[in-house]
Amino acid sequence: MSNPDELLVALSAAVESERSNQMSLTVVVGGAVITGRLAPEAVWRERVAEVLKGSDRLGPFSDVFTGGPRGGRPGRGGDPTHLHFHLARILQGSLGIPETGGMYRVAIKDVSAWTVGDFSYFDR
């Protein structure tokens, strides 16, 4: 979207203000379908930093997400510009990648379609 959807921006702002990760959302971005729960940016950054710290190879990058010496948080204020997904999957055919869910950051301006709720596939 060249102009971010005002309703999606308002939804993201509500998630940010509540510090909750209970809002499920599915979006289409660049042809990919991403489904999962939204998290406030601060919570999302903390979780990504935790995962990175647990890795021997990626540990030094955790500072980028915690505002450490090499990173830094962008200035706050104004409307949210990104959605922060927790426990999210990219839907591909009958699979959700990764199966356990991942952490995705999506620019709101790039969302071409969305719906409230997440999708799951079940073998029947």
PDB file of N, CA and C in Angstrom:
ATOM      1  N   MET A   1       0.841  -1.171   0.000  1.00  0.00           N
ATOM      2  CA  MET A   1       0.000   0.000   0.000  1.00  0.00           C
ATOM      3  C   MET A   1       0.886   1.233   0.000  1.00  0.00           C
ATOM      4  N   SER A   2       0.598   2.152  -0.887  1.00  0.00           N
ATOM      5  CA  SER A   2       1.381   3.370  -0.878  1.00  0.00           C
ATOM      6  C   SER A   2       1.018   4.220   0.348  1.00  0.00           C
ATOM      7  N   ASN A   3      -0.228   4.192   0.754  1.00  0.00           N
ATOM      8  CA  ASN A   3      -0.674   4.859   1.978  1.00  0.00           C
ATOM      9  C   ASN A   3      -1.103   3.777   2.962  1.00  0.00           C
ATOM     10  N   PRO A   4      -0.468   3.726   4.124  1.00  0.00           N
ATOM     11  CA  PRO A   4      -0.825   2.680   5.084  1.00  0.00           C
ATOM     12  C   PRO A   4      -2.303   2.736   5.453  1.00  0.00           C
ATOM     13  N   ASP A   5      -2.915   1.589   5.580  1.00  0.00           N
ATOM     14  CA  ASP A   5      -4.311   1.449   5.968  1.00  0.00           C
ATOM     15  C   ASP A   5      -4.494   2.026   7.377  1.00  0.00           C
ATOM     16  N   GLU A   6      -5.343   3.035   7.503  1.00  0.00           N
ATOM     17  CA  GLU A   6      -5.542   3.709   8.794  1.00  0.00           C
ATOM     18  C   GLU A   6      -6.063   2.761   9.862  1.00  0.00           C
ATOM     19  N   LEU A   7      -6.908   1.810   9.475  1.00  0.00           N
ATOM     20  CA  LEU A   7      -7.446   0.845  10.430  1.00  0.00           C
ATOM     21  C   LEU A   7      -6.343  -0.084  10.946  1.00  0.00           C
ATOM     22  N   LEU A   8      -5.459  -0.494  10.057  1.00  0.00           N
ATOM     23  CA  LEU A   8      -4.338  -1.347  10.461  1.00  0.00           C
ATOM     24  C   LEU A   8      -3.362  -0.577  11.357  1.00  0.00           C
ATOM     25  N   VAL A   9      -3.143   0.685  11.059  1.00  0.00           N
ATOM     26  CA  VAL A   9      -2.300   1.528  11.916  1.00  0.00           C
ATOM     27  C   VAL A   9      -2.933   1.651  13.299  1.00  0.00           C
ATOM     28  N   ALA A  10      -4.240   1.863  13.357  1.00  0.00           N
ATOM     29  CA  ALA A  10      -4.940   1.986  14.639  1.00  0.00           C
ATOM     30  C   ALA A  10      -4.877   0.674  15.420  1.00  0.00           C
ATOM     31  N   LEU A  11      -5.004  -0.442  14.735  1.00  0.00           N
ATOM     32  CA  LEU A  11      -4.899  -1.750  15.385  1.00  0.00           C
ATOM     33  C   LEU A  11      -3.510  -1.938  15.983  1.00  0.00           C
ATOM     34  N   SER A  12      -2.489  -1.590  15.219  1.00  0.00           N
ATOM     35  CA  SER A  12      -1.120  -1.693  15.704  1.00  0.00           C
ATOM     36  C   SER A  12      -0.888  -0.767  16.893  1.00  0.00           C
ATOM     37  N   ALA A  13      -1.435   0.430  16.847  1.00  0.00           N
ATOM     38  CA  ALA A  13      -1.295   1.378  17.963  1.00  0.00           C
ATOM     39  C   ALA A  13      -1.961   0.824  19.220  1.00  0.00           C
ATOM     40  N   ALA A  14      -3.106   0.151  19.063  1.00  0.00           N
ATOM     41  CA  ALA A  14      -3.786  -0.446  20.214  1.00  0.00           C
ATOM     42  C   ALA A  14      -2.937  -1.551  20.836  1.00  0.00           C
ATOM     43  N   VAL A  15      -2.300  -2.354  20.003  1.00  0.00           N
ATOM     44  CA  VAL A  15      -1.408  -3.411  20.511  1.00  0.00           C
ATOM     45  C   VAL A  15      -0.248  -2.762  21.261  1.00  0.00           C
ATOM     46  N   GLU A  16       0.317  -1.708  20.703  1.00  0.00           N
ATOM     47  CA  GLU A  16       1.432  -1.012  21.347  1.00  0.00           C
ATOM     48  C   GLU A  16       1.032  -0.463  22.717  1.00  0.00           C
ATOM     49  N   SER A  17      -0.146   0.078  22.822  1.00  0.00           N
ATOM     50  CA  SER A  17      -0.556   0.710  24.073  1.00  0.00           C
ATOM     51  C   SER A  17      -0.928  -0.291  25.153  1.00  0.00           C
ATOM     52  N   GLU A  18      -1.361  -1.477  24.765  1.00  0.00           N
ATOM     53  CA  GLU A  18      -1.796  -2.486  25.736  1.00  0.00           C
ATOM     54  C   GLU A  18      -0.679  -3.408  26.193  1.00  0.00           C
ATOM     55  N   ARG A  19       0.442  -3.446  25.486  1.00  0.00           N
ATOM     56  CA  ARG A  19       1.538  -4.377  25.772  1.00  0.00           C
ATOM     57  C   ARG A  19       1.033  -5.816  25.850  1.00  0.00           C
ATOM     58  N   SER A  20       0.193  -6.182  24.906  1.00  0.00           N
ATOM     59  CA  SER A  20      -0.399  -7.521  24.862  1.00  0.00           C
ATOM     60  C   SER A  20      -0.017  -8.202  23.557  1.00  0.00           C
ATOM     61  N   ASN A  21       0.074  -9.524  23.586  1.00  0.00           N
ATOM     62  CA  ASN A  21       0.365 -10.272  22.368  1.00  0.00           C
ATOM     63  C   ASN A  21      -0.781 -11.230  22.041  1.00  0.00           C
ATOM     64  N   GLN A  22      -1.996 -10.813  22.336  1.00  0.00           N
ATOM     65  CA  GLN A  22      -3.149 -11.678  22.112  1.00  0.00           C
ATOM     66  C   GLN A  22      -3.901 -11.388  20.816  1.00  0.00           C
ATOM     67  N   MET A  23      -3.543 -10.346  20.073  1.00  0.00           N
ATOM     68  CA  MET A  23      -4.227 -10.017  18.824  1.00  0.00           C
ATOM     69  C   MET A  23      -3.661 -10.850  17.687  1.00  0.00           C
ATOM     70  N   SER A  24      -4.484 -11.720  17.131  1.00  0.00           N
ATOM     71  CA  SER A  24      -4.070 -12.536  15.992  1.00  0.00           C
ATOM     72  C   SER A  24      -4.395 -11.808  14.699  1.00  0.00           C
ATOM     73  N   LEU A  25      -3.486 -11.898  13.742  1.00  0.00           N
ATOM     74  CA  LEU A  25      -3.637 -11.183  12.483  1.00  0.00           C
ATOM     75  C   LEU A  25      -2.996 -11.985  11.367  1.00  0.00           C
ATOM     76  N   THR A  26      -3.579 -11.889  10.187  1.00  0.00           N
ATOM     77  CA  THR A  26      -3.000 -12.484   8.984  1.00  0.00           C
ATOM     78  C   THR A  26      -2.865 -11.384   7.946  1.00  0.00           C
ATOM     79  N   VAL A  27      -1.676 -11.276   7.344  1.00  0.00           N
ATOM     80  CA  VAL A  27      -1.416 -10.242   6.349  1.00  0.00           C
ATOM     81  C   VAL A  27      -0.846 -10.859   5.078  1.00  0.00           C
ATOM     82  N   VAL A  28      -1.009 -10.134   3.988  1.00  0.00           N
ATOM     83  CA  VAL A  28      -0.369 -10.485   2.722  1.00  0.00           C
ATOM     84  C   VAL A  28       0.645  -9.385   2.444  1.00  0.00           C
ATOM     85  N   VAL A  29       1.912  -9.803   2.275  1.00  0.00           N
ATOM     86  CA  VAL A  29       3.009  -8.869   2.029  1.00  0.00           C
ATOM     87  C   VAL A  29       3.844  -9.424   0.882  1.00  0.00           C
ATOM     88  N   GLY A  30       3.896  -8.719  -0.214  1.00  0.00           N
ATOM     89  CA  GLY A  30       4.687  -9.174  -1.347  1.00  0.00           C
ATOM     90  C   GLY A  30       4.302 -10.568  -1.828  1.00  0.00           C
ATOM     91  N   GLY A  31       3.032 -10.913  -1.710  1.00  0.00           N
ATOM     92  CA  GLY A  31       2.554 -12.220  -2.139  1.00  0.00           C
ATOM     93  C   GLY A  31       2.664 -13.300  -1.077  1.00  0.00           C
ATOM     94  N   ALA A  32       3.368 -13.033   0.006  1.00  0.00           N
ATOM     95  CA  ALA A  32       3.497 -14.008   1.095  1.00  0.00           C
ATOM     96  C   ALA A  32       2.375 -13.785   2.107  1.00  0.00           C
ATOM     97  N   VAL A  33       1.857 -14.879   2.643  1.00  0.00           N
ATOM     98  CA  VAL A  33       0.840 -14.806   3.685  1.00  0.00           C
ATOM     99  C   VAL A  33       1.522 -15.098   5.015  1.00  0.00           C
ATOM    100  N   ILE A  34       1.434 -14.135   5.940  1.00  0.00           N
ATOM    101  CA  ILE A  34       2.025 -14.274   7.270  1.00  0.00           C
ATOM    102  C   ILE A  34       0.896 -14.236   8.274  1.00  0.00           C
ATOM    103  N   THR A  35       0.884 -15.209   9.180  1.00  0.00           N
ATOM    104  CA  THR A  35      -0.173 -15.300  10.168  1.00  0.00           C
ATOM    105  C   THR A  35       0.427 -15.509  11.546  1.00  0.00           C
ATOM    106  N   GLY A  36      -0.136 -14.866  12.540  1.00  0.00           N
ATOM    107  CA  GLY A  36       0.375 -15.024  13.893  1.00  0.00           C
ATOM    108  C   GLY A  36      -0.209 -13.977  14.820  1.00  0.00           C
ATOM    109  N   ARG A  37       0.469 -13.779  15.950  1.00  0.00           N
ATOM    110  CA  ARG A  37      -0.003 -12.816  16.936  1.00  0.00           C
ATOM    111  C   ARG A  37       0.882 -11.584  16.916  1.00  0.00           C
ATOM    112  N   LEU A  38       0.246 -10.428  17.053  1.00  0.00           N
ATOM    113  CA  LEU A  38       0.990  -9.177  17.128  1.00  0.00           C
ATOM    114  C   LEU A  38       1.518  -8.979  18.545  1.00  0.00           C
ATOM    115  N   ALA A  39       2.680  -8.382  18.630  1.00  0.00           N
ATOM    116  CA  ALA A  39       3.273  -8.039  19.920  1.00  0.00           C
ATOM    117  C   ALA A  39       3.685  -6.576  19.870  1.00  0.00           C
ATOM    118  N   PRO A  40       3.688  -5.915  21.005  1.00  0.00           N
ATOM    119  CA  PRO A  40       4.241  -4.559  21.035  1.00  0.00           C
ATOM    120  C   PRO A  40       5.721  -4.608  20.640  1.00  0.00           C
ATOM    121  N   GLU A  41       6.184  -3.559  20.005  1.00  0.00           N
ATOM    122  CA  GLU A  41       7.562  -3.542  19.522  1.00  0.00           C
ATOM    123  C   GLU A  41       8.573  -3.827  20.635  1.00  0.00           C
ATOM    124  N   ALA A  42       8.389  -3.237  21.803  1.00  0.00           N
ATOM    125  CA  ALA A  42       9.351  -3.444  22.903  1.00  0.00           C
ATOM    126  C   ALA A  42       9.410  -4.904  23.318  1.00  0.00           C
ATOM    127  N   VAL A  43       8.265  -5.568  23.385  1.00  0.00           N
ATOM    128  CA  VAL A  43       8.216  -6.989  23.755  1.00  0.00           C
ATOM    129  C   VAL A  43       8.883  -7.818  22.672  1.00  0.00           C
ATOM    130  N   TRP A  44       8.595  -7.486  21.418  1.00  0.00           N
ATOM    131  CA  TRP A  44       9.178  -8.208  20.286  1.00  0.00           C
ATOM    132  C   TRP A  44      10.702  -8.080  20.295  1.00  0.00           C
ATOM    133  N   ARG A  45      11.197  -6.854  20.511  1.00  0.00           N
ATOM    134  CA  ARG A  45      12.647  -6.626  20.553  1.00  0.00           C
ATOM    135  C   ARG A  45      13.297  -7.424  21.685  1.00  0.00           C
ATOM    136  N   GLU A  46      12.656  -7.443  22.856  1.00  0.00           N
ATOM    137  CA  GLU A  46      13.196  -8.200  23.992  1.00  0.00           C
ATOM    138  C   GLU A  46      13.319  -9.676  23.655  1.00  0.00           C
ATOM    139  N   ARG A  47      12.283 -10.228  23.031  1.00  0.00           N
ATOM    140  CA  ARG A  47      12.284 -11.653  22.699  1.00  0.00           C
ATOM    141  C   ARG A  47      13.342 -11.976  21.646  1.00  0.00           C
ATOM    142  N   VAL A  48      13.465 -11.143  20.623  1.00  0.00           N
ATOM    143  CA  VAL A  48      14.488 -11.368  19.598  1.00  0.00           C
ATOM    144  C   VAL A  48      15.878 -11.302  20.236  1.00  0.00           C
ATOM    145  N   ALA A  49      16.101 -10.327  21.108  1.00  0.00           N
ATOM    146  CA  ALA A  49      17.391 -10.195  21.791  1.00  0.00           C
ATOM    147  C   ALA A  49      17.693 -11.439  22.622  1.00  0.00           C
ATOM    148  N   GLU A  50      16.689 -11.985  23.321  1.00  0.00           N
ATOM    149  CA  GLU A  50      16.884 -13.204  24.111  1.00  0.00           C
ATOM    150  C   GLU A  50      17.335 -14.368  23.240  1.00  0.00           C
ATOM    151  N   VAL A  51      16.680 -14.527  22.107  1.00  0.00           N
ATOM    152  CA  VAL A  51      17.020 -15.622  21.196  1.00  0.00           C
ATOM    153  C   VAL A  51      18.453 -15.451  20.679  1.00  0.00           C
ATOM    154  N   LEU A  52      18.800 -14.232  20.299  1.00  0.00           N
ATOM    155  CA  LEU A  52      20.145 -13.975  19.778  1.00  0.00           C
ATOM    156  C   LEU A  52      21.214 -14.191  20.846  1.00  0.00           C
ATOM    157  N   LYS A  53      20.943 -13.759  22.062  1.00  0.00           N
ATOM    158  CA  LYS A  53      21.918 -13.930  23.149  1.00  0.00           C
ATOM    159  C   LYS A  53      22.234 -15.393  23.400  1.00  0.00           C
ATOM    160  N   GLY A  54      21.267 -16.260  23.148  1.00  0.00           N
ATOM    161  CA  GLY A  54      21.453 -17.688  23.356  1.00  0.00           C
ATOM    162  C   GLY A  54      22.289 -18.369  22.290  1.00  0.00           C
ATOM    163  N   SER A  55      22.731 -17.635  21.293  1.00  0.00           N
ATOM    164  CA  SER A  55      23.505 -18.195  20.187  1.00  0.00           C
ATOM    165  C   SER A  55      24.957 -17.735  20.272  1.00  0.00           C
ATOM    166  N   ASP A  56      25.879 -18.682  20.121  1.00  0.00           N
ATOM    167  CA  ASP A  56      27.298 -18.326  20.130  1.00  0.00           C
ATOM    168  C   ASP A  56      27.650 -17.410  18.959  1.00  0.00           C
ATOM    169  N   ARG A  57      27.083 -17.688  17.800  1.00  0.00           N
ATOM    170  CA  ARG A  57      27.409 -16.900  16.608  1.00  0.00           C
ATOM    171  C   ARG A  57      26.664 -15.580  16.530  1.00  0.00           C
ATOM    172  N   LEU A  58      25.425 -15.546  17.014  1.00  0.00           N
ATOM    173  CA  LEU A  58      24.584 -14.374  16.818  1.00  0.00           C
ATOM    174  C   LEU A  58      24.447 -13.496  18.054  1.00  0.00           C
ATOM    175  N   GLY A  59      24.981 -13.934  19.176  1.00  0.00           N
ATOM    176  CA  GLY A  59      24.879 -13.195  20.429  1.00  0.00           C
ATOM    177  C   GLY A  59      25.246 -11.728  20.340  1.00  0.00           C
ATOM    178  N   PRO A  60      26.339 -11.372  19.641  1.00  0.00           N
ATOM    179  CA  PRO A  60      26.719  -9.956  19.562  1.00  0.00           C
ATOM    180  C   PRO A  60      25.660  -9.056  18.907  1.00  0.00           C
ATOM    181  N   PHE A  61      24.767  -9.638  18.117  1.00  0.00           N
ATOM    182  CA  PHE A  61      23.744  -8.836  17.447  1.00  0.00           C
ATOM    183  C   PHE A  61      22.583  -8.482  18.368  1.00  0.00           C
ATOM    184  N   SER A  62      22.529  -9.080  19.545  1.00  0.00           N
ATOM    185  CA  SER A  62      21.407  -8.805  20.444  1.00  0.00           C
ATOM    186  C   SER A  62      21.360  -7.338  20.860  1.00  0.00           C
ATOM    187  N   ASP A  63      22.526  -6.680  20.917  1.00  0.00           N
ATOM    188  CA  ASP A  63      22.563  -5.259  21.292  1.00  0.00           C
ATOM    189  C   ASP A  63      21.755  -4.379  20.339  1.00  0.00           C
ATOM    190  N   VAL A  64      21.651  -4.782  19.088  1.00  0.00           N
ATOM    191  CA  VAL A  64      20.886  -4.007  18.117  1.00  0.00           C
ATOM    192  C   VAL A  64      19.429  -3.907  18.567  1.00  0.00           C
ATOM    193  N   PHE A  65      18.933  -4.970  19.192  1.00  0.00           N
ATOM    194  CA  PHE A  65      17.530  -5.013  19.588  1.00  0.00           C
ATOM    195  C   PHE A  65      17.284  -4.475  20.987  1.00  0.00           C
ATOM    196  N   THR A  66      18.314  -4.388  21.800  1.00  0.00           N
ATOM    197  CA  THR A  66      18.143  -3.895  23.164  1.00  0.00           C
ATOM    198  C   THR A  66      18.582  -2.450  23.319  1.00  0.00           C
ATOM    199  N   GLY A  67      19.060  -1.848  22.244  1.00  0.00           N
ATOM    200  CA  GLY A  67      19.493  -0.455  22.320  1.00  0.00           C
ATOM    201  C   GLY A  67      20.876  -0.320  22.905  1.00  0.00           C
ATOM    202  N   GLY A  68      21.677  -1.389  22.792  1.00  0.00           N
ATOM    203  CA  GLY A  68      23.040  -1.384  23.300  1.00  0.00           C
ATOM    204  C   GLY A  68      23.926  -0.434  22.522  1.00  0.00           C
ATOM    205  N   PRO A  69      25.218  -0.502  22.762  1.00  0.00           N
ATOM    206  CA  PRO A  69      26.150   0.469  22.191  1.00  0.00           C
ATOM    207  C   PRO A  69      26.144   0.555  20.675  1.00  0.00           C
ATOM    208  N   ARG A  70      25.928  -0.552  19.972  1.00  0.00           N
ATOM    209  CA  ARG A  70      25.960  -0.512  18.509  1.00  0.00           C
ATOM    210  C   ARG A  70      24.566  -0.389  17.916  1.00  0.00           C
ATOM    211  N   GLY A  71      23.571  -0.636  18.723  1.00  0.00           N
ATOM    212  CA  GLY A  71      22.203  -0.608  18.217  1.00  0.00           C
ATOM    213  C   GLY A  71      21.548   0.713  18.480  1.00  0.00           C
ATOM    214  N   GLY A  72      20.465   0.641  19.162  1.00  0.00           N
ATOM    215  CA  GLY A  72      19.752   1.870  19.479  1.00  0.00           C
ATOM    216  C   GLY A  72      18.330   1.779  18.994  1.00  0.00           C
ATOM    217  N   ARG A  73      17.453   2.208  19.816  1.00  0.00           N
ATOM    218  CA  ARG A  73      16.041   2.189  19.455  1.00  0.00           C
ATOM    219  C   ARG A  73      15.716   3.435  18.660  1.00  0.00           C
ATOM    220  N   PRO A  74      14.890   3.278  17.654  1.00  0.00           N
ATOM    221  CA  PRO A  74      14.464   4.463  16.924  1.00  0.00           C
ATOM    222  C   PRO A  74      13.618   5.345  17.832  1.00  0.00           C
ATOM    223  N   GLY A  75      13.522   6.601  17.492  1.00  0.00           N
ATOM    224  CA  GLY A  75      12.710   7.515  18.288  1.00  0.00           C
ATOM    225  C   GLY A  75      11.260   7.082  18.325  1.00  0.00           C
ATOM    226  N   ARG A  76      10.629   7.270  19.437  1.00  0.00           N
ATOM    227  CA  ARG A  76       9.220   6.898  19.603  1.00  0.00           C
ATOM    228  C   ARG A  76       8.355   8.109  19.283  1.00  0.00           C
ATOM    229  N   GLY A  77       7.124   7.850  19.069  1.00  0.00           N
ATOM    230  CA  GLY A  77       6.194   8.936  18.791  1.00  0.00           C
ATOM    231  C   GLY A  77       5.578   8.743  17.425  1.00  0.00           C
ATOM    232  N   GLY A  78       4.410   9.288  17.233  1.00  0.00           N
ATOM    233  CA  GLY A  78       3.730   9.150  15.960  1.00  0.00           C
ATOM    234  C   GLY A  78       3.093   7.782  15.822  1.00  0.00           C
ATOM    235  N   ASP A  79       2.521   7.544  14.666  1.00  0.00           N
ATOM    236  CA  ASP A  79       1.854   6.270  14.404  1.00  0.00           C
ATOM    237  C   ASP A  79       2.860   5.152  14.184  1.00  0.00           C
ATOM    238  N   PRO A  80       2.484   3.930  14.557  1.00  0.00           N
ATOM    239  CA  PRO A  80       3.359   2.784  14.279  1.00  0.00           C
ATOM    240  C   PRO A  80       3.572   2.633  12.772  1.00  0.00           C
ATOM    241  N   THR A  81       4.750   2.211  12.399  1.00  0.00           N
ATOM    242  CA  THR A  81       5.068   1.991  10.983  1.00  0.00           C
ATOM    243  C   THR A  81       5.243   0.516  10.654  1.00  0.00           C
ATOM    244  N   HIS A  82       5.351  -0.322  11.693  1.00  0.00           N
ATOM    245  CA  HIS A  82       5.595  -1.748  11.480  1.00  0.00           C
ATOM    246  C   HIS A  82       4.695  -2.595  12.377  1.00  0.00           C
ATOM    247  N   LEU A  83       4.411  -3.794  11.894  1.00  0.00           N
ATOM    248  CA  LEU A  83       3.738  -4.815  12.691  1.00  0.00           C
ATOM    249  C   LEU A  83       4.813  -5.756  13.207  1.00  0.00           C
ATOM    250  N   HIS A  84       4.685  -6.190  14.441  1.00  0.00           N
ATOM    251  CA  HIS A  84       5.668  -7.089  15.052  1.00  0.00           C
ATOM    252  C   HIS A  84       4.970  -8.390  15.413  1.00  0.00           C
ATOM    253  N   PHE A  85       5.259  -9.427  14.638  1.00  0.00           N
ATOM    254  CA  PHE A  85       4.610 -10.724  14.821  1.00  0.00           C
ATOM    255  C   PHE A  85       5.440 -11.624  15.725  1.00  0.00           C
ATOM    256  N   HIS A  86       4.732 -12.304  16.616  1.00  0.00           N
ATOM    257  CA  HIS A  86       5.303 -13.278  17.537  1.00  0.00           C
ATOM    258  C   HIS A  86       4.575 -14.594  17.264  1.00  0.00           C
ATOM    259  N   LEU A  87       5.290 -15.707  17.298  1.00  0.00           N
ATOM    260  CA  LEU A  87       4.689 -17.012  17.016  1.00  0.00           C
ATOM    261  C   LEU A  87       3.997 -17.014  15.658  1.00  0.00           C
ATOM    262  N   ALA A  88       4.650 -16.441  14.669  1.00  0.00           N
ATOM    263  CA  ALA A  88       4.059 -16.288  13.340  1.00  0.00           C
ATOM    264  C   ALA A  88       4.617 -17.329  12.374  1.00  0.00           C
ATOM    265  N   ARG A  89       3.835 -17.579  11.331  1.00  0.00           N
ATOM    266  CA  ARG A  89       4.244 -18.514  10.295  1.00  0.00           C
ATOM    267  C   ARG A  89       3.983 -17.899   8.928  1.00  0.00           C
ATOM    268  N   ILE A  90       4.828 -18.236   7.977  1.00  0.00           N
ATOM    269  CA  ILE A  90       4.572 -17.914   6.579  1.00  0.00           C
ATOM    270  C   ILE A  90       3.834 -19.120   6.022  1.00  0.00           C
ATOM    271  N   LEU A  91       2.649 -18.906   5.470  1.00  0.00           N
ATOM    272  CA  LEU A  91       1.871 -20.020   4.941  1.00  0.00           C
ATOM    273  C   LEU A  91       2.312 -20.325   3.517  1.00  0.00           C
ATOM    274  N   GLN A  92       2.660 -21.577   3.297  1.00  0.00           N
ATOM    275  CA  GLN A  92       3.109 -22.034   1.984  1.00  0.00           C
ATOM    276  C   GLN A  92       2.425 -23.365   1.716  1.00  0.00           C
ATOM    277  N   GLY A  93       1.463 -23.366   0.794  1.00  0.00           N
ATOM    278  CA  GLY A  93       0.731 -24.599   0.525  1.00  0.00           C
ATOM    279  C   GLY A  93       0.056 -25.082   1.790  1.00  0.00           C
ATOM    280  N   SER A  94       0.339 -26.311   2.186  1.00  0.00           N
ATOM    281  CA  SER A  94      -0.274 -26.864   3.391  1.00  0.00           C
ATOM    282  C   SER A  94       0.656 -26.789   4.597  1.00  0.00           C
ATOM    283  N   LEU A  95       1.710 -25.973   4.485  1.00  0.00           N
ATOM    284  CA  LEU A  95       2.682 -25.852   5.568  1.00  0.00           C
ATOM    285  C   LEU A  95       2.694 -24.447   6.146  1.00  0.00           C
ATOM    286  N   GLY A  96       3.028 -24.379   7.414  1.00  0.00           N
ATOM    287  CA  GLY A  96       3.321 -23.108   8.063  1.00  0.00           C
ATOM    288  C   GLY A  96       4.801 -23.111   8.400  1.00  0.00           C
ATOM    289  N   ILE A  97       5.555 -22.143   7.910  1.00  0.00           N
ATOM    290  CA  ILE A  97       7.002 -22.116   8.081  1.00  0.00           C
ATOM    291  C   ILE A  97       7.379 -20.971   9.001  1.00  0.00           C
ATOM    292  N   PRO A  98       8.120 -21.148  10.051  1.00  0.00           N
ATOM    293  CA  PRO A  98       8.474 -22.439  10.647  1.00  0.00           C
ATOM    294  C   PRO A  98       7.277 -23.004  11.417  1.00  0.00           C
ATOM    295  N   GLU A  99       7.296 -24.294  11.644  1.00  0.00           N
ATOM    296  CA  GLU A  99       6.171 -24.946  12.326  1.00  0.00           C
ATOM    297  C   GLU A  99       5.944 -24.381  13.715  1.00  0.00           C
ATOM    298  N   THR A 100       7.014 -24.018  14.395  1.00  0.00           N
ATOM    299  CA  THR A 100       6.907 -23.529  15.768  1.00  0.00           C
ATOM    300  C   THR A 100       6.608 -22.044  15.850  1.00  0.00           C
ATOM    301  N   GLY A 101       6.678 -21.354  14.751  1.00  0.00           N
ATOM    302  CA  GLY A 101       6.411 -19.910  14.738  1.00  0.00           C
ATOM    303  C   GLY A 101       7.697 -19.122  14.843  1.00  0.00           C
ATOM    304  N   GLY A 102       7.686 -17.958  14.241  1.00  0.00           N
ATOM    305  CA  GLY A 102       8.875 -17.109  14.234  1.00  0.00           C
ATOM    306  C   GLY A 102       8.529 -15.683  14.600  1.00  0.00           C
ATOM    307  N   MET A 103       9.545 -14.853  14.543  1.00  0.00           N
ATOM    308  CA  MET A 103       9.398 -13.439  14.874  1.00  0.00           C
ATOM    309  C   MET A 103       9.581 -12.650  13.584  1.00  0.00           C
ATOM    310  N   TYR A 104       8.543 -11.953  13.146  1.00  0.00           N
ATOM    311  CA  TYR A 104       8.599 -11.201  11.905  1.00  0.00           C
ATOM    312  C   TYR A 104       8.243  -9.745  12.149  1.00  0.00           C
ATOM    313  N   ARG A 105       8.922  -8.868  11.429  1.00  0.00           N
ATOM    314  CA  ARG A 105       8.628  -7.433  11.445  1.00  0.00           C
ATOM    315  C   ARG A 105       8.216  -7.068  10.024  1.00  0.00           C
ATOM    316  N   VAL A 106       7.045  -6.477   9.888  1.00  0.00           N
ATOM    317  CA  VAL A 106       6.473  -6.177   8.578  1.00  0.00           C
ATOM    318  C   VAL A 106       6.116  -4.701   8.520  1.00  0.00           C
ATOM    319  N   ALA A 107       6.543  -4.018   7.474  1.00  0.00           N
ATOM    320  CA  ALA A 107       6.170  -2.612   7.292  1.00  0.00           C
ATOM    321  C   ALA A 107       4.685  -2.529   6.955  1.00  0.00           C
ATOM    322  N   ILE A 108       3.960  -1.735   7.697  1.00  0.00           N
ATOM    323  CA  ILE A 108       2.525  -1.593   7.472  1.00  0.00           C
ATOM    324  C   ILE A 108       2.247  -1.113   6.049  1.00  0.00           C
ATOM    325  N   LYS A 109       3.093  -0.248   5.522  1.00  0.00           N
ATOM    326  CA  LYS A 109       2.872   0.286   4.167  1.00  0.00           C
ATOM    327  C   LYS A 109       2.971  -0.796   3.096  1.00  0.00           C
ATOM    328  N   ASP A 110       3.599  -1.934   3.421  1.00  0.00           N
ATOM    329  CA  ASP A 110       3.760  -3.013   2.445  1.00  0.00           C
ATOM    330  C   ASP A 110       2.638  -4.047   2.497  1.00  0.00           C
ATOM    331  N   VAL A 111       1.726  -3.924   3.436  1.00  0.00           N
ATOM    332  CA  VAL A 111       0.624  -4.884   3.573  1.00  0.00           C
ATOM    333  C   VAL A 111      -0.414  -4.589   2.496  1.00  0.00           C
ATOM    334  N   SER A 112      -0.712  -5.597   1.666  1.00  0.00           N
ATOM    335  CA  SER A 112      -1.691  -5.399   0.596  1.00  0.00           C
ATOM    336  C   SER A 112      -3.071  -5.922   0.970  1.00  0.00           C
ATOM    337  N   ALA A 113      -3.143  -6.820   1.956  1.00  0.00           N
ATOM    338  CA  ALA A 113      -4.425  -7.344   2.426  1.00  0.00           C
ATOM    339  C   ALA A 113      -4.222  -7.874   3.840  1.00  0.00           C
ATOM    340  N   TRP A 114      -5.289  -7.885   4.622  1.00  0.00           N
ATOM    341  CA  TRP A 114      -5.176  -8.399   5.984  1.00  0.00           C
ATOM    342  C   TRP A 114      -6.538  -8.802   6.511  1.00  0.00           C
ATOM    343  N   THR A 115      -6.515  -9.641   7.540  1.00  0.00           N
ATOM    344  CA  THR A 115      -7.730 -10.029   8.240  1.00  0.00           C
ATOM    345  C   THR A 115      -7.388 -10.317   9.688  1.00  0.00           C
ATOM    346  N   VAL A 116      -8.337 -10.091  10.567  1.00  0.00           N
ATOM    347  CA  VAL A 116      -8.141 -10.409  11.975  1.00  0.00           C
ATOM    348  C   VAL A 116      -8.238 -11.924  12.131  1.00  0.00           C
ATOM    349  N   GLY A 117      -7.348 -12.482  12.920  1.00  0.00           N
ATOM    350  CA  GLY A 117      -7.311 -13.917  13.159  1.00  0.00           C
ATOM    351  C   GLY A 117      -6.112 -14.543  12.472  1.00  0.00           C
ATOM    352  N   ASP A 118      -5.753 -15.742  12.934  1.00  0.00           N
ATOM    353  CA  ASP A 118      -4.658 -16.449  12.278  1.00  0.00           C
ATOM    354  C   ASP A 118      -5.197 -17.724  11.660  1.00  0.00           C
ATOM    355  N   PHE A 119      -4.461 -18.244  10.704  1.00  0.00           N
ATOM    356  CA  PHE A 119      -4.872 -19.433   9.980  1.00  0.00           C
ATOM    357  C   PHE A 119      -3.950 -20.579  10.317  1.00  0.00           C
ATOM    358  N   SER A 120      -4.510 -21.748  10.382  1.00  0.00           N
ATOM    359  CA  SER A 120      -3.727 -22.964  10.609  1.00  0.00           C
ATOM    360  C   SER A 120      -4.234 -24.038   9.656  1.00  0.00           C
ATOM    361  N   TYR A 121      -3.345 -24.938   9.290  1.00  0.00           N
ATOM    362  CA  TYR A 121      -3.719 -26.061   8.459  1.00  0.00           C
ATOM    363  C   TYR A 121      -3.797 -27.298   9.326  1.00  0.00           C
ATOM    364  N   PHE A 122      -4.778 -28.138   9.026  1.00  0.00           N
ATOM    365  CA  PHE A 122      -4.925 -29.403   9.744  1.00  0.00           C
ATOM    366  C   PHE A 122      -5.085 -30.521   8.716  1.00  0.00           C
ATOM    367  N   ASP A 123      -4.362 -31.618   8.933  1.00  0.00           N
ATOM    368  CA  ASP A 123      -4.555 -32.794   8.085  1.00  0.00           C
ATOM    369  C   ASP A 123      -5.855 -33.459   8.480  1.00  0.00           C
ATOM    370  N   ARG A 124      -6.677 -33.795   7.503  1.00  0.00           N
ATOM    371  CA  ARG A 124      -7.954 -34.453   7.809  1.00  0.00           C
ATOM    372  C   ARG A 124      -8.033 -35.777   7.118  1.00  0.00           C
TER     373      ARG A 124
END
